Every structure is written in C-alpha cells, then in structure tokens.
Amino acid sequence: MDSREILCKLRSDTGMNRRQFADYFGIPYRTVQDWELGNRHMPDYLLRLMLYKANMEKIIKTQ
C-alpha cells in the first residue's frame, strides 16, 4: 500500500468526509484532496502522525 491508499483508508475508517477529515487534522481541504487524488505526495512522517493521532483519540470506527 502506498501513502495515498493508506490515507484514503484512514479517512474511510474514521467515517469522515473529506472536509471533516481536513478540519480535524488542521490541513487545508485542497491539500487532502490533492494527496488522495495523487496530485501531490504526502510526507511519510505526516501520515505516521495522523495514524498515531487517530489511534490515540480512538476515532477509527471498527467494522
């Protein structure tokens, strides 16, 4: 899985739409959109921090 796929899965697992997700992490909407569409590369360290925050704050919905 590349960072784009992991990001999309993370957003899906939180149950948030793109706007909510961007607001939650304090990232501009257009940046999240570009990452998900593959127009820009997301820094690996940032993805790790987002995964950490999501796990610590227990926002990932279980299936």
Protein backbone atom coordinates (compact mmCIF):
# COMPACT_ATOMS: atom_id res chain seq x y z
CA MET A 1 0.00 0.00 0.00
CA ASP A 2 1.30 3.44 -0.83
CA SER A 3 0.70 6.56 1.28
CA ARG A 4 -2.25 7.66 -0.90
CA GLU A 5 -4.05 4.35 -0.34
CA ILE A 6 -3.32 4.43 3.39
CA LEU A 7 -4.64 7.99 3.64
CA CYS A 8 -7.84 7.08 1.80
CA LYS A 9 -8.32 4.04 4.04
CA LEU A 10 -7.70 6.13 7.17
CA ARG A 11 -10.33 8.67 6.13
CA SER A 12 -12.76 5.89 5.26
CA ASP A 13 -12.14 4.16 8.59
CA THR A 14 -12.89 7.36 10.50
CA GLY A 15 -16.24 7.74 8.75
CA MET A 16 -15.47 11.38 7.95
CA ASN A 17 -15.99 13.13 4.67
CA ARG A 18 -13.01 14.95 3.16
CA ARG A 19 -13.96 18.34 4.68
CA GLN A 20 -14.38 16.92 8.20
CA PHE A 21 -11.13 14.99 7.88
CA ALA A 22 -9.19 18.06 6.73
CA ASP A 23 -10.66 20.19 9.52
CA TYR A 24 -9.97 17.54 12.16
CA PHE A 25 -6.28 17.37 11.28
CA GLY A 26 -5.93 21.09 10.54
CA ILE A 27 -4.89 20.51 6.93
CA PRO A 28 -6.27 22.56 4.04
CA TYR A 29 -9.05 20.76 2.18
CA ARG A 30 -7.34 21.18 -1.19
CA THR A 31 -4.14 19.58 0.16
CA VAL A 32 -6.01 16.49 1.37
CA GLN A 33 -7.80 16.34 -1.97
CA ASP A 34 -4.51 16.53 -3.89
CA TRP A 35 -2.98 13.79 -1.72
CA GLU A 36 -5.95 11.48 -2.25
CA LEU A 37 -6.02 12.09 -5.99
CA GLY A 38 -2.28 11.55 -6.29
CA ASN A 39 -1.58 15.09 -7.50
CA ARG A 40 0.84 15.70 -4.61
CA HIS A 41 2.95 13.39 -2.48
CA MET A 42 2.15 13.29 1.20
CA PRO A 43 5.17 13.34 3.58
CA ASP A 44 5.57 9.94 5.24
CA TYR A 45 6.16 11.46 8.67
CA LEU A 46 2.83 13.30 8.45
CA LEU A 47 0.94 10.13 7.60
CA ARG A 48 2.52 8.40 10.61
CA LEU A 49 1.47 11.30 12.86
CA MET A 50 -2.09 11.22 11.54
CA LEU A 51 -2.34 7.47 12.11
CA TYR A 52 -0.96 7.91 15.62
CA LYS A 53 -3.43 10.68 16.46
CA ALA A 54 -6.36 8.71 15.06
CA ASN A 55 -5.41 5.67 17.13
CA MET A 56 -4.75 7.62 20.33
CA GLU A 57 -8.02 9.53 20.08
CA LYS A 58 -9.89 6.37 19.07
CA ILE A 59 -11.66 7.92 16.07
CA ILE A 60 -11.24 4.88 13.85
CA LYS A 61 -14.54 3.06 13.59
CA THR A 62 -14.36 -0.71 13.95
CA GLN A 63 -16.18 -2.86 11.43
